[in-house]
């Protein structure tokens, strides 16, 4: 029988009167990308120098002002990359690069050498502070861990001074495994680090407090950050940074709460690339803030281009359901979702006035256009879809607004096709289903042409007389009718010809498709057969607003009389 359970709930943080649950994030943090170090080291095939430069340029265009670029003491490639950025003047003036090293003298010396000539840089050093690491991995006591942190900081400070670049270089220190460490021990250690470095201004010293392995729930991370900020005696003179990993899938949530708890800065990667389940995904975090009206300082207005570049360089495909970045995240297949999105998209002005906000659409928490995605992908059709979504596809992709009374019939035709196909239906397939069943319906009738004129009959002043030429069963018929317009005149001509069953015009809708010289008329006609009251729907399209409804009537008659 086991003496200890395999797992237990993490102990609470000894915090009193916590404040962070009542705080709201009102501004974006300082962002630091660690893609080129933390993200790169976890790739199956690490980036080559050309790829790292492409990635660095992309990060600068997105708007990152702090970018951790390498672990220069770990490999010649990383060292050479840092030197290349500096010597070839590849770093924008407003961008600060950062490099990482362990707290070992020879590694620190190599790292300092890589920064010679830099205009602005951050020297990032780390020491593992958890008892798990110190006692199991390093076999050291806590006082020895403090000495490692002190020595590493002292070596860095003295080396930067000797290299005459101290004035250009800030210091970042990470107590690795922060969330698995004794919080009071970490505070003691970080006070020792401060007293050696003695920052010249706020931002000259950064304490990065990482959830190196996610073992705690998000609220515990926030508690630890607030506890540190409250009890660290030099808090006002340093920046507090977050670095969350995603082992339990909570990196974004933990970082949001920890930012509310008092942190100033956030480290992460695009799409969360990093060891194990990865780092905090900055795309998700930043766009969450964007969706709450907070200016982030990062430009993801061309997110699909960013995703393609990251996929190409990393060799890792983005999951289609990945927040914001996935191909399907703004796509609805469910009928009820599609109907709500369609109605919401058509009523954006109404929603804006109702909620006093520019964007409020069911199931879409941000406007896809904000991140370079298009509306035509909002709704896609399969066997689970509904009539509202089908109507949306025709509206959005082809400009055809099918009357609501015709949605059930259209939906039934598409459903039948979808069940048979067994997979997603394209917009062009939906258009063909619509055409085959409403516009170009096969049957005994075919419209040829017509002529209309004002009625000469004094009993019907101002009315329209029409001569309609149609084909039925291979034979041409010329029939005449009169009405208050071409549509009613055509109905009268057909009714009095004896060629059709008796019917009445039940509904009529028309719309314009396209604009200018390419504008065409789209007409929707519903005919009611008097013998049984059954409705038959047809549609017609033509450059003539008079011909389109006649074509729609003929389509409806073909449906009524069969092939």
Protein backbone atom coordinates (compact mmCIF):
# COMPACT_ATOMS: atom_id res chain seq x y z
CA UNK A 1 0.00 0.00 0.00
CA UNK A 2 1.31 3.45 -0.93
CA UNK A 3 2.46 5.68 1.88
CA UNK A 4 1.74 8.86 -0.08
CA UNK A 5 -0.88 9.73 -2.69
CA UNK A 6 0.37 10.37 -6.21
CA UNK A 7 -1.09 13.85 -6.22
CA UNK A 8 -2.48 16.40 -3.80
CA UNK A 9 -4.00 19.83 -4.11
CA UNK A 10 -1.39 22.62 -3.92
CA UNK A 11 -1.27 24.48 -0.63
CA UNK A 12 -2.85 27.91 -0.50
CA UNK A 13 -0.74 31.04 -0.62
CA UNK A 14 -0.69 32.83 2.78
CA UNK A 15 -2.25 36.01 1.43
CA UNK A 16 -4.64 38.21 3.38
CA UNK A 17 -7.20 40.61 1.97
CA UNK A 18 -6.34 39.78 -1.62
CA UNK A 19 -7.11 42.62 -4.02
CA UNK A 20 -6.74 41.17 -7.49
CA UNK A 21 -10.26 39.66 -7.82
CA UNK A 22 -11.73 43.19 -7.77
CA UNK A 23 -9.24 44.67 -10.21
CA UNK A 24 -9.75 45.00 -13.94
CA UNK A 25 -7.00 45.10 -16.54
CA UNK A 26 -7.18 48.57 -18.07
CA UNK A 27 -3.99 48.65 -20.14
CA UNK A 28 -1.78 46.20 -21.95
CA UNK A 29 1.41 44.90 -20.30
CA UNK A 30 4.90 45.30 -21.63
CA UNK A 31 5.16 42.45 -24.14
CA UNK A 32 8.27 40.32 -24.54
CA UNK A 33 8.43 37.65 -27.22
CA UNK A 34 10.52 34.61 -26.37
CA UNK A 35 9.79 32.82 -29.67
CA UNK A 36 13.40 32.82 -30.82
CA UNK A 37 14.63 31.21 -27.61
CA UNK A 38 11.93 29.43 -25.64
CA UNK A 39 9.81 28.71 -28.70
CA UNK A 40 12.73 27.79 -30.95
CA UNK A 41 14.44 25.40 -28.54
CA UNK A 42 11.29 23.26 -28.47
CA UNK A 43 10.97 22.82 -32.25
CA UNK A 44 11.69 19.35 -33.70
CA UNK A 45 13.99 21.12 -36.18
CA UNK A 46 15.31 24.40 -34.71
CA UNK A 47 15.34 27.47 -36.93
CA UNK A 48 18.38 28.16 -39.06
CA UNK A 49 19.88 31.70 -39.05
CA UNK A 50 17.88 32.86 -42.09
CA UNK A 51 14.63 31.62 -40.54
CA UNK A 52 15.44 33.29 -37.22
CA UNK A 53 16.02 36.58 -39.01
CA UNK A 54 12.70 36.25 -40.89
CA UNK A 55 10.97 35.54 -37.58
CA UNK A 56 12.71 38.44 -35.86
CA UNK A 57 11.62 40.83 -38.62
CA UNK A 58 8.04 39.56 -38.33
CA UNK A 59 8.03 40.12 -34.56
CA UNK A 60 9.28 43.68 -35.07
CA UNK A 61 6.51 44.36 -37.63
CA UNK A 62 3.88 43.02 -35.22
CA UNK A 63 5.08 45.61 -32.72
CA UNK A 64 7.17 43.79 -30.11
CA UNK A 65 9.61 46.16 -28.42
CA UNK A 66 11.32 43.45 -26.36
CA UNK A 67 12.45 40.22 -28.03
CA UNK A 68 14.47 37.46 -26.43
CA UNK A 69 16.60 36.30 -29.33
CA UNK A 70 18.92 33.55 -28.15
CA UNK A 71 20.78 31.53 -25.54
CA UNK A 72 24.21 32.57 -26.89
CA UNK A 73 26.28 30.52 -24.46
CA UNK A 74 24.45 27.34 -25.46
CA UNK A 75 25.49 27.10 -29.12
CA UNK A 76 27.60 28.76 -31.79
CA UNK A 77 24.50 29.32 -33.94
CA UNK A 78 22.78 31.28 -31.17
CA UNK A 79 25.93 33.31 -30.44
CA UNK A 80 26.45 34.08 -34.12
CA UNK A 81 22.81 35.11 -34.52
CA UNK A 82 23.09 37.73 -31.79
CA UNK A 83 26.33 39.03 -33.27
CA UNK A 84 24.73 39.18 -36.73
CA UNK A 85 21.78 41.22 -35.47
CA UNK A 86 24.13 43.73 -33.84
CA UNK A 87 26.90 43.91 -36.44
CA UNK A 88 24.53 44.10 -39.44
CA UNK A 89 22.34 46.69 -37.68
CA UNK A 90 19.19 44.55 -37.94
CA UNK A 91 17.66 45.77 -34.66
CA UNK A 92 15.23 48.73 -34.90
CA UNK A 93 16.12 51.62 -32.59
CA UNK A 94 13.00 51.14 -30.47
CA UNK A 95 13.50 47.37 -29.99
CA UNK A 96 15.41 45.87 -27.05
CA UNK A 97 16.86 42.40 -27.56
CA UNK A 98 17.28 39.96 -24.69
CA UNK A 99 19.55 36.97 -24.18
CA UNK A 100 19.30 34.18 -21.60
CA UNK A 101 21.92 32.34 -19.60
CA UNK A 102 22.35 30.22 -16.52
CA UNK A 103 24.11 31.71 -13.48
CA UNK A 104 27.52 30.26 -14.29
CA UNK A 105 30.56 32.47 -14.73
CA UNK A 106 31.87 31.07 -18.03
CA UNK A 107 28.37 31.10 -19.56
CA UNK A 108 27.82 34.67 -18.35
CA UNK A 109 31.10 35.78 -19.90
CA UNK A 110 30.18 34.23 -23.25
CA UNK A 111 26.74 35.86 -23.11
CA UNK A 112 28.22 39.31 -22.40
CA UNK A 113 30.57 38.88 -25.32
CA UNK A 114 27.58 38.35 -27.61
CA UNK A 115 26.11 41.76 -26.62
CA UNK A 116 29.15 43.93 -27.36
CA UNK A 117 28.03 46.87 -29.50
CA UNK A 118 24.32 46.57 -28.75
CA UNK A 119 22.32 49.79 -28.33
CA UNK A 120 19.70 48.32 -26.00
CA UNK A 121 19.65 44.86 -24.48
CA UNK A 122 18.50 42.81 -21.52
CA UNK A 123 20.76 40.31 -19.83
CA UNK A 124 18.53 37.52 -18.52
CA UNK A 125 19.88 35.15 -15.89
CA UNK A 126 18.03 32.37 -14.07
CA UNK A 127 18.43 30.10 -11.05
CA UNK A 128 15.99 27.34 -10.10
CA UNK A 129 14.58 28.12 -6.65
CA UNK A 130 12.21 25.21 -5.98
CA UNK A 131 13.21 22.59 -3.42
CA UNK A 132 12.52 20.00 -6.12
CA UNK A 133 15.34 21.44 -8.21
CA UNK A 134 17.72 22.50 -5.48
CA UNK A 135 17.54 19.32 -3.41
CA UNK A 136 16.89 16.69 -6.13
CA UNK A 137 18.54 18.08 -9.26
CA UNK A 138 21.38 20.18 -7.81
CA UNK A 139 21.64 18.70 -4.30
CA UNK A 140 21.99 22.15 -2.76
CA UNK A 141 20.54 23.86 0.28
CA UNK A 142 18.61 27.11 0.03
CA UNK A 143 21.54 29.23 1.22
CA UNK A 144 23.60 27.76 -1.64
CA UNK A 145 20.85 28.65 -4.11
CA UNK A 146 20.92 32.25 -2.85
CA UNK A 147 24.68 32.31 -3.35
CA UNK A 148 24.23 31.07 -6.94
CA UNK A 149 21.82 33.95 -7.61
CA UNK A 150 24.13 36.49 -5.94
CA UNK A 151 27.23 35.24 -7.74
CA UNK A 152 25.47 35.15 -11.10
CA UNK A 153 24.21 38.71 -10.68
CA UNK A 154 27.62 39.94 -9.53
CA UNK A 155 29.40 38.22 -12.45
CA UNK A 156 26.93 39.80 -14.88
CA UNK A 157 27.25 43.29 -13.39
CA UNK A 158 31.04 43.25 -13.26
CA UNK A 159 31.33 41.75 -16.73
CA UNK A 160 29.01 44.33 -18.28
CA UNK A 161 30.95 47.14 -16.59
CA UNK A 162 34.26 45.72 -17.82
CA UNK A 163 32.80 45.42 -21.34
CA UNK A 164 31.69 49.08 -21.09
CA UNK A 165 28.07 48.23 -21.99
CA UNK A 166 26.44 48.42 -18.54
CA UNK A 167 24.63 51.64 -19.45
CA UNK A 168 22.98 49.92 -22.43
CA UNK A 169 22.01 46.69 -20.71
CA UNK A 170 19.22 45.98 -18.20
CA UNK A 171 19.11 42.92 -15.97
CA UNK A 172 16.37 40.34 -15.82
CA UNK A 173 16.42 37.64 -13.17
CA UNK A 174 14.17 34.58 -13.11
CA UNK A 175 13.67 32.37 -10.04
CA UNK A 176 12.88 29.35 -12.17
CA UNK A 177 10.05 27.15 -10.88
CA UNK A 178 8.67 30.20 -9.05
CA UNK A 179 5.20 28.71 -8.61
CA UNK A 180 6.69 25.54 -7.10
CA UNK A 181 8.96 27.48 -4.74
CA UNK A 182 8.55 28.81 -1.21
CA UNK A 183 7.33 32.34 -1.83
CA UNK A 184 9.12 33.92 1.15
CA UNK A 185 12.37 32.26 0.10
CA UNK A 186 11.99 33.71 -3.41
CA UNK A 187 11.38 37.18 -1.99
CA UNK A 188 14.52 36.92 0.17
CA UNK A 189 16.58 35.77 -2.82
CA UNK A 190 15.25 38.55 -5.08
CA UNK A 191 16.05 41.19 -2.46
CA UNK A 192 19.64 39.93 -2.44
CA UNK A 193 19.73 40.21 -6.25
CA UNK A 194 18.42 43.79 -6.08
CA UNK A 195 21.05 44.81 -3.54
CA UNK A 196 23.83 43.66 -5.86
CA UNK A 197 22.46 45.08 -9.12
CA UNK A 198 21.14 48.37 -7.67
CA UNK A 199 19.00 49.47 -10.64
CA UNK A 200 19.46 52.98 -12.01
CA UNK A 201 15.80 53.38 -12.96
CA UNK A 202 12.56 51.38 -12.95
CA UNK A 203 12.93 48.86 -15.74
CA UNK A 204 16.67 48.48 -15.24
CA UNK A 205 15.88 45.41 -13.13
CA UNK A 206 13.15 42.91 -14.06
CA UNK A 207 12.04 39.99 -11.92
CA UNK A 208 10.51 37.38 -14.14
CA UNK A 209 8.36 35.07 -12.00
CA UNK A 210 7.63 31.99 -14.10
CA UNK A 211 5.11 29.20 -13.85
CA UNK A 212 7.83 26.99 -15.31
CA UNK A 213 5.69 23.90 -14.91
CA UNK A 214 2.00 24.55 -14.41
CA UNK A 215 1.09 22.73 -11.18
CA UNK A 216 -1.28 25.28 -9.64
CA UNK A 217 -4.66 26.65 -10.71
CA UNK A 218 -4.67 30.17 -12.25
CA UNK A 219 -5.88 31.88 -9.08
CA UNK A 220 -2.85 30.56 -7.18
CA UNK A 221 -0.51 32.20 -9.70
CA UNK A 222 -2.33 35.48 -9.13
CA UNK A 223 -2.08 35.04 -5.36
CA UNK A 224 1.67 34.47 -5.60
CA UNK A 225 2.18 37.55 -7.78
CA UNK A 226 0.14 39.74 -5.44
CA UNK A 227 1.96 38.32 -2.41
CA UNK A 228 5.32 39.06 -4.04
CA UNK A 229 4.29 42.59 -5.05
CA UNK A 230 2.94 43.31 -1.56
CA UNK A 231 5.87 41.91 0.42
CA UNK A 232 8.88 42.67 -1.78
CA UNK A 233 10.40 45.79 -0.23
CA UNK A 234 11.80 47.19 -3.48
CA UNK A 235 8.61 46.72 -5.49
CA UNK A 236 8.36 50.31 -6.73
CA UNK A 237 11.84 50.18 -8.22
CA UNK A 238 11.53 47.00 -10.32
CA UNK A 239 9.34 45.52 -13.05
CA UNK A 240 7.49 42.27 -12.39
CA UNK A 241 7.22 39.95 -15.37
CA UNK A 242 5.14 36.83 -16.02
CA UNK A 243 6.21 33.70 -17.88
CA UNK A 244 3.50 31.05 -17.85
CA UNK A 245 3.67 27.58 -19.34
CA UNK A 246 0.59 25.69 -20.45
CA UNK A 247 0.96 22.22 -18.90
CA UNK A 248 -2.61 22.28 -17.56
CA UNK A 249 -4.00 24.41 -20.38
CA UNK A 250 -4.41 27.51 -18.20
CA UNK A 251 -1.50 29.74 -19.24
CA UNK A 252 -3.70 32.51 -20.67
CA UNK A 253 -6.10 32.48 -17.72
CA UNK A 254 -3.24 32.41 -15.20
CA UNK A 255 -1.49 35.30 -16.92
CA UNK A 256 -4.64 37.41 -17.09
CA UNK A 257 -5.27 36.97 -13.37
CA UNK A 258 -1.60 37.53 -12.51
CA UNK A 259 -1.55 40.72 -14.55
CA UNK A 260 -4.52 41.96 -12.51
CA UNK A 261 -2.55 40.96 -9.40
CA UNK A 262 0.15 43.53 -10.11
CA UNK A 263 2.54 42.35 -12.83
CA UNK A 264 3.90 44.83 -15.40
CA UNK A 265 5.23 42.62 -18.16
CA UNK A 266 4.35 39.39 -19.96
CA UNK A 267 6.58 36.93 -21.77
CA UNK A 268 5.23 34.43 -24.26
CA UNK A 269 5.30 33.15 -27.81
CA UNK A 270 3.12 33.31 -30.89
CA UNK A 271 0.70 30.37 -30.75
CA UNK A 272 2.32 29.26 -27.48
CA UNK A 273 5.24 27.41 -29.08
CA UNK A 274 7.55 26.12 -26.37
CA UNK A 275 8.54 23.11 -24.30
CA UNK A 276 5.95 20.42 -23.54
CA UNK A 277 2.50 21.99 -24.03
CA UNK A 278 4.14 25.33 -24.67
CA UNK A 279 4.27 28.86 -23.35
CA UNK A 280 1.62 31.49 -22.92
CA UNK A 281 0.15 32.24 -26.34
CA UNK A 282 0.57 35.98 -26.80
CA UNK A 283 -1.79 36.02 -29.79
CA UNK A 284 -4.64 34.73 -27.63
CA UNK A 285 -3.81 36.93 -24.64
CA UNK A 286 -3.40 40.10 -26.72
CA UNK A 287 -6.56 39.55 -28.74
CA UNK A 288 -8.51 38.81 -25.57
CA UNK A 289 -7.53 42.29 -24.39
CA UNK A 290 -8.40 43.70 -27.82
CA UNK A 291 -11.88 42.13 -27.53
CA UNK A 292 -12.32 44.04 -24.25
CA UNK A 293 -11.46 47.39 -25.78
CA UNK A 294 -7.83 47.56 -24.59
CA UNK A 295 -5.21 48.81 -27.05
CA UNK A 296 -2.45 46.20 -27.09
CA UNK A 297 0.27 47.87 -29.14
CA UNK A 298 0.55 44.67 -31.20
CA UNK A 299 -0.70 44.50 -34.79
CA UNK A 300 -2.48 41.27 -35.69
CA UNK A 301 -4.56 42.83 -38.46
CA UNK A 302 -2.96 40.40 -40.91
CA UNK A 303 -3.05 37.36 -38.65
CA UNK A 304 -3.48 34.79 -41.48
CA UNK A 305 -0.17 36.00 -42.97
CA UNK A 306 1.50 35.69 -39.55
CA UNK A 307 0.14 32.17 -39.13
CA UNK A 308 1.41 31.07 -42.55
CA UNK A 309 4.87 32.44 -41.74
CA UNK A 310 4.98 30.72 -38.34
CA UNK A 311 3.79 27.42 -39.83
CA UNK A 312 6.35 27.62 -42.62
CA UNK A 313 9.27 28.38 -40.30
CA UNK A 314 8.33 26.12 -37.38
CA UNK A 315 6.98 23.18 -39.39
CA UNK A 316 4.04 22.97 -36.96
CA UNK A 317 0.50 23.32 -38.28
CA UNK A 318 -2.03 25.42 -36.38
CA UNK A 319 -5.05 23.53 -35.08
CA UNK A 320 -8.24 24.67 -36.87
CA UNK A 321 -9.89 25.35 -33.48
CA UNK A 322 -6.97 27.33 -32.06
CA UNK A 323 -8.34 30.60 -30.62
CA UNK A 324 -8.26 33.41 -33.20
CA UNK A 325 -5.62 31.71 -35.36
CA UNK A 326 -7.49 28.55 -36.39
CA UNK A 327 -9.26 28.31 -39.73
CA UNK A 328 -12.59 27.34 -38.11
CA UNK A 329 -12.77 29.64 -35.08
CA UNK A 330 -15.19 32.06 -36.76
CA UNK A 331 -17.08 29.35 -38.62
CA UNK A 332 -20.48 27.94 -37.70
CA UNK A 333 -21.81 24.60 -38.97
CA UNK A 334 -24.71 24.31 -36.50
CA UNK A 335 -28.05 25.49 -37.83
CA UNK A 336 -29.05 27.51 -34.76
CA UNK A 337 -25.64 29.23 -34.63
CA UNK A 338 -25.81 30.02 -38.33
CA UNK A 339 -29.26 31.53 -38.03
CA UNK A 340 -28.19 33.73 -35.10
CA UNK A 341 -25.01 34.90 -36.87
CA UNK A 342 -26.95 35.70 -40.04
CA UNK A 343 -29.52 37.77 -38.15
CA UNK A 344 -26.80 39.45 -36.10
CA UNK A 345 -24.80 40.40 -39.17
CA UNK A 346 -27.90 41.92 -40.74
CA UNK A 347 -28.71 43.87 -37.54
CA UNK A 348 -25.35 45.31 -36.54
CA UNK A 349 -26.58 48.89 -36.50
CA UNK A 350 -29.50 47.93 -34.28
CA UNK A 351 -27.22 46.03 -31.89
CA UNK A 352 -24.76 48.94 -31.75
CA UNK A 353 -27.49 51.30 -30.57
CA UNK A 354 -28.90 48.74 -28.14
CA UNK A 355 -25.57 47.90 -26.45
CA UNK A 356 -23.61 51.13 -27.10
CA UNK A 357 -20.76 49.24 -28.70
CA UNK A 358 -19.63 49.00 -32.30
CA UNK A 359 -19.49 45.20 -32.52
CA UNK A 360 -22.05 42.88 -30.94
CA UNK A 361 -22.89 39.79 -33.01
CA UNK A 362 -24.11 36.42 -31.71
CA UNK A 363 -21.31 33.84 -31.40
CA UNK A 364 -18.63 36.27 -32.70
CA UNK A 365 -16.85 38.01 -29.84
CA UNK A 366 -14.64 40.07 -32.17
CA UNK A 367 -15.00 41.26 -35.74
CA UNK A 368 -13.06 38.78 -37.93
CA UNK A 369 -12.00 41.69 -40.13
CA UNK A 370 -9.93 43.01 -37.20
CA UNK A 371 -7.47 40.17 -37.67
CA UNK A 372 -7.63 39.86 -41.44
CA UNK A 373 -10.27 37.16 -41.71
CA UNK A 374 -13.21 37.41 -44.08
CA UNK A 375 -16.94 37.14 -43.56
CA UNK A 376 -17.45 34.51 -46.26
CA UNK A 377 -16.00 31.86 -43.95
CA UNK A 378 -18.32 32.62 -41.03
CA UNK A 379 -20.83 29.98 -42.08
CA UNK A 380 -20.07 26.68 -43.75
CA UNK A 381 -22.54 23.99 -44.61
CA UNK A 382 -22.73 20.29 -43.83
CA UNK A 383 -25.46 17.88 -42.76
CA UNK A 384 -25.72 19.63 -39.36
CA UNK A 385 -26.44 23.02 -40.84
CA UNK A 386 -29.73 24.87 -40.99
CA UNK A 387 -31.69 26.92 -43.47
CA UNK A 388 -30.47 30.23 -42.02
CA UNK A 389 -26.87 29.35 -42.75
CA UNK A 390 -27.70 28.33 -46.29
CA UNK A 391 -29.47 31.63 -46.86
CA UNK A 392 -26.42 33.44 -45.44
CA UNK A 393 -24.09 31.75 -47.95
CA UNK A 394 -26.29 32.84 -50.86
CA UNK A 395 -26.51 36.38 -49.45
CA UNK A 396 -22.85 36.81 -48.61
CA UNK A 397 -21.21 34.99 -51.50
CA UNK A 398 -23.65 35.67 -54.32
CA UNK A 399 -25.79 38.61 -53.20
CA UNK A 400 -29.01 36.55 -53.36
CA UNK A 401 -31.46 37.26 -50.52
CA UNK A 402 -33.88 34.35 -50.57
CA UNK A 403 -37.25 35.26 -48.97
CA UNK A 404 -37.75 33.67 -45.56
CA UNK A 405 -40.85 31.81 -46.80
CA UNK A 406 -38.63 29.87 -49.21
CA UNK A 407 -35.96 28.95 -46.62
CA UNK A 408 -37.59 25.64 -45.57
CA UNK A 409 -37.75 24.32 -49.12
CA UNK A 410 -34.21 25.46 -49.91
CA UNK A 411 -32.97 23.91 -46.67
CA UNK A 412 -34.63 20.60 -47.50
CA UNK A 413 -32.93 20.43 -50.92
CA UNK A 414 -29.52 21.21 -49.41
CA UNK A 415 -30.06 18.75 -46.53
CA UNK A 416 -30.85 15.97 -48.99
CA UNK A 417 -27.70 16.74 -50.94
CA UNK A 418 -25.59 16.95 -47.76
CA UNK A 419 -26.85 13.61 -46.46
CA UNK A 420 -25.93 11.99 -49.75
CA UNK A 421 -22.50 13.64 -49.96
CA UNK A 422 -21.60 13.05 -46.31
CA UNK A 423 -19.18 15.97 -46.05
CA UNK A 424 -19.01 19.75 -46.20
CA UNK A 425 -20.81 21.49 -49.07
CA UNK A 426 -19.12 24.34 -50.90
CA UNK A 427 -20.74 27.67 -51.68
CA UNK A 428 -20.73 26.85 -55.39
CA UNK A 429 -22.59 23.60 -54.68
CA UNK A 430 -25.22 25.51 -52.69
CA UNK A 431 -25.60 27.96 -55.57
CA UNK A 432 -26.11 25.08 -58.01
CA UNK A 433 -28.73 23.49 -55.74
CA UNK A 434 -30.54 26.83 -55.60
CA UNK A 435 -30.38 27.29 -59.38
CA UNK A 436 -31.51 23.74 -60.17
CA UNK A 437 -34.49 23.88 -57.81
CA UNK A 438 -35.63 27.50 -58.16
CA UNK A 439 -34.13 29.23 -61.22
CA UNK A 440 -33.54 26.75 -64.03
CA UNK A 441 -36.20 24.23 -63.11
CA UNK A 442 -36.71 21.59 -65.77
CA UNK A 443 -40.29 21.10 -66.92
CA UNK A 444 -42.74 21.50 -69.80
CA UNK A 445 -42.53 25.31 -69.97
CA UNK A 446 -39.81 27.54 -71.41
CA UNK A 447 -39.94 31.32 -71.65
CA UNK A 448 -39.00 32.71 -75.05
CA UNK A 449 -39.80 36.44 -75.11
CA UNK A 450 -42.53 38.99 -74.56
CA UNK A 451 -43.80 42.35 -75.71
CA UNK A 452 -45.66 44.80 -73.50
CA UNK A 453 -47.51 48.02 -74.16
CA UNK A 454 -49.96 50.33 -72.44
CA UNK A 455 -53.51 49.06 -72.78
CA UNK A 456 -55.61 50.60 -75.57
CA UNK A 457 -58.76 49.32 -73.91
CA UNK A 458 -60.67 52.32 -72.52
CA UNK A 459 -62.11 50.05 -69.84
CA UNK A 460 -58.59 49.49 -68.45
CA UNK A 461 -56.81 52.87 -68.70
CA UNK A 462 -53.14 52.81 -67.65
CA UNK A 463 -52.96 49.02 -67.60
CA UNK A 464 -50.39 46.90 -69.38
CA UNK A 465 -51.07 44.52 -72.25
CA UNK A 466 -48.59 41.72 -72.80
CA UNK A 467 -47.93 39.20 -75.53
CA UNK A 468 -46.02 36.31 -74.06
CA UNK A 469 -44.26 33.68 -76.19
CA UNK A 470 -43.60 30.40 -74.40
CA UNK A 471 -42.64 26.89 -75.35
CA UNK A 472 -44.60 23.93 -74.01
CA UNK A 473 -43.91 20.38 -75.04
CA UNK A 474 -41.82 21.58 -77.95
CA UNK A 475 -44.58 23.78 -79.32
CA UNK A 476 -44.55 27.60 -79.28
CA UNK A 477 -47.56 29.47 -77.93
CA UNK A 478 -48.26 33.16 -78.20
CA UNK A 479 -50.64 34.20 -75.45
CA UNK A 480 -51.99 37.56 -74.38
CA UNK A 481 -53.00 39.10 -71.08
CA UNK A 482 -53.72 42.38 -69.37
CA UNK A 483 -52.94 43.67 -65.87
CA UNK A 484 -51.74 46.59 -63.83
CA UNK A 485 -48.17 45.69 -64.69
CA UNK A 486 -46.09 43.11 -66.60
CA UNK A 487 -46.32 40.53 -63.80
CA UNK A 488 -50.09 40.58 -63.40
CA UNK A 489 -50.46 40.72 -67.20
CA UNK A 490 -48.27 37.62 -67.57
CA UNK A 491 -50.29 35.80 -64.89
CA UNK A 492 -53.51 36.74 -66.70
CA UNK A 493 -52.09 35.52 -70.02
CA UNK A 494 -51.16 32.13 -68.56
CA UNK A 495 -54.42 31.78 -66.63
CA UNK A 496 -56.57 32.49 -69.70
CA UNK A 497 -54.48 30.35 -72.08
CA UNK A 498 -55.69 26.99 -70.75
CA UNK A 499 -52.09 25.76 -70.80
CA UNK A 500 -51.74 25.61 -67.01
CA UNK A 501 -53.67 24.65 -63.94
CA UNK A 502 -55.55 27.44 -62.20
CA UNK A 503 -53.29 29.35 -59.82
CA UNK A 504 -52.90 32.69 -58.11
CA UNK A 505 -49.86 34.83 -57.33
CA UNK A 506 -49.22 34.30 -53.61
CA UNK A 507 -45.97 36.25 -52.99
CA UNK A 508 -43.55 38.34 -54.98
CA UNK A 509 -40.12 39.69 -54.02
CA UNK A 510 -37.45 41.35 -56.08
CA UNK A 511 -33.90 42.59 -55.54
CA UNK A 512 -30.94 43.93 -57.44
CA UNK A 513 -27.78 41.87 -57.79
CA UNK A 514 -24.50 43.67 -58.44
CA UNK A 515 -24.33 47.38 -59.26
CA UNK A 516 -23.84 49.70 -62.17
CA UNK A 517 -23.76 48.26 -65.68
CA UNK A 518 -23.60 44.71 -64.34
CA UNK A 519 -26.74 45.08 -62.21
CA UNK A 520 -29.32 42.35 -62.68
CA UNK A 521 -32.78 41.84 -61.29
CA UNK A 522 -33.63 38.81 -59.13
CA UNK A 523 -37.30 37.93 -58.73
CA UNK A 524 -38.89 35.41 -56.37
CA UNK A 525 -42.43 34.19 -57.10
CA UNK A 526 -44.74 31.96 -55.07
CA UNK A 527 -47.75 30.52 -56.91
CA UNK A 528 -50.72 28.93 -55.13
CA UNK A 529 -52.49 26.12 -56.97
CA UNK A 530 -56.21 26.61 -56.41
CA UNK A 531 -57.10 22.93 -56.62
CA UNK A 532 -55.25 22.02 -53.43
CA UNK A 533 -53.72 25.28 -52.11
CA UNK A 534 -50.16 23.99 -52.58
CA UNK A 535 -47.40 26.60 -52.94
CA UNK A 536 -44.75 26.42 -55.66
CA UNK A 537 -41.70 28.68 -55.48
CA UNK A 538 -39.65 29.91 -58.41
CA UNK A 539 -36.91 32.43 -59.04
CA UNK A 540 -35.71 34.27 -62.11
CA UNK A 541 -32.75 36.45 -62.93
CA UNK A 542 -32.30 38.83 -65.84
CA UNK A 543 -30.92 42.22 -66.75
CA UNK A 544 -34.53 43.26 -67.31
CA UNK A 545 -36.66 43.89 -64.23
CA UNK A 546 -39.72 42.85 -66.28
CA UNK A 547 -38.31 39.56 -67.58
CA UNK A 548 -36.91 38.27 -64.25
CA UNK A 549 -40.37 37.75 -62.64
CA UNK A 550 -41.75 36.07 -65.77
CA UNK A 551 -38.84 33.60 -65.65
CA UNK A 552 -39.63 33.02 -61.97
CA UNK A 553 -43.28 32.29 -62.81
CA UNK A 554 -42.20 29.77 -65.45
CA UNK A 555 -39.89 28.02 -62.96
CA UNK A 556 -42.73 27.78 -60.44
CA UNK A 557 -45.09 26.37 -63.10
CA UNK A 558 -42.52 23.75 -64.06
CA UNK A 559 -42.37 22.66 -60.41
CA UNK A 560 -46.16 22.52 -60.26
CA UNK A 561 -46.58 20.44 -63.42
CA UNK A 562 -43.54 18.22 -63.09
CA UNK A 563 -40.90 17.29 -65.61
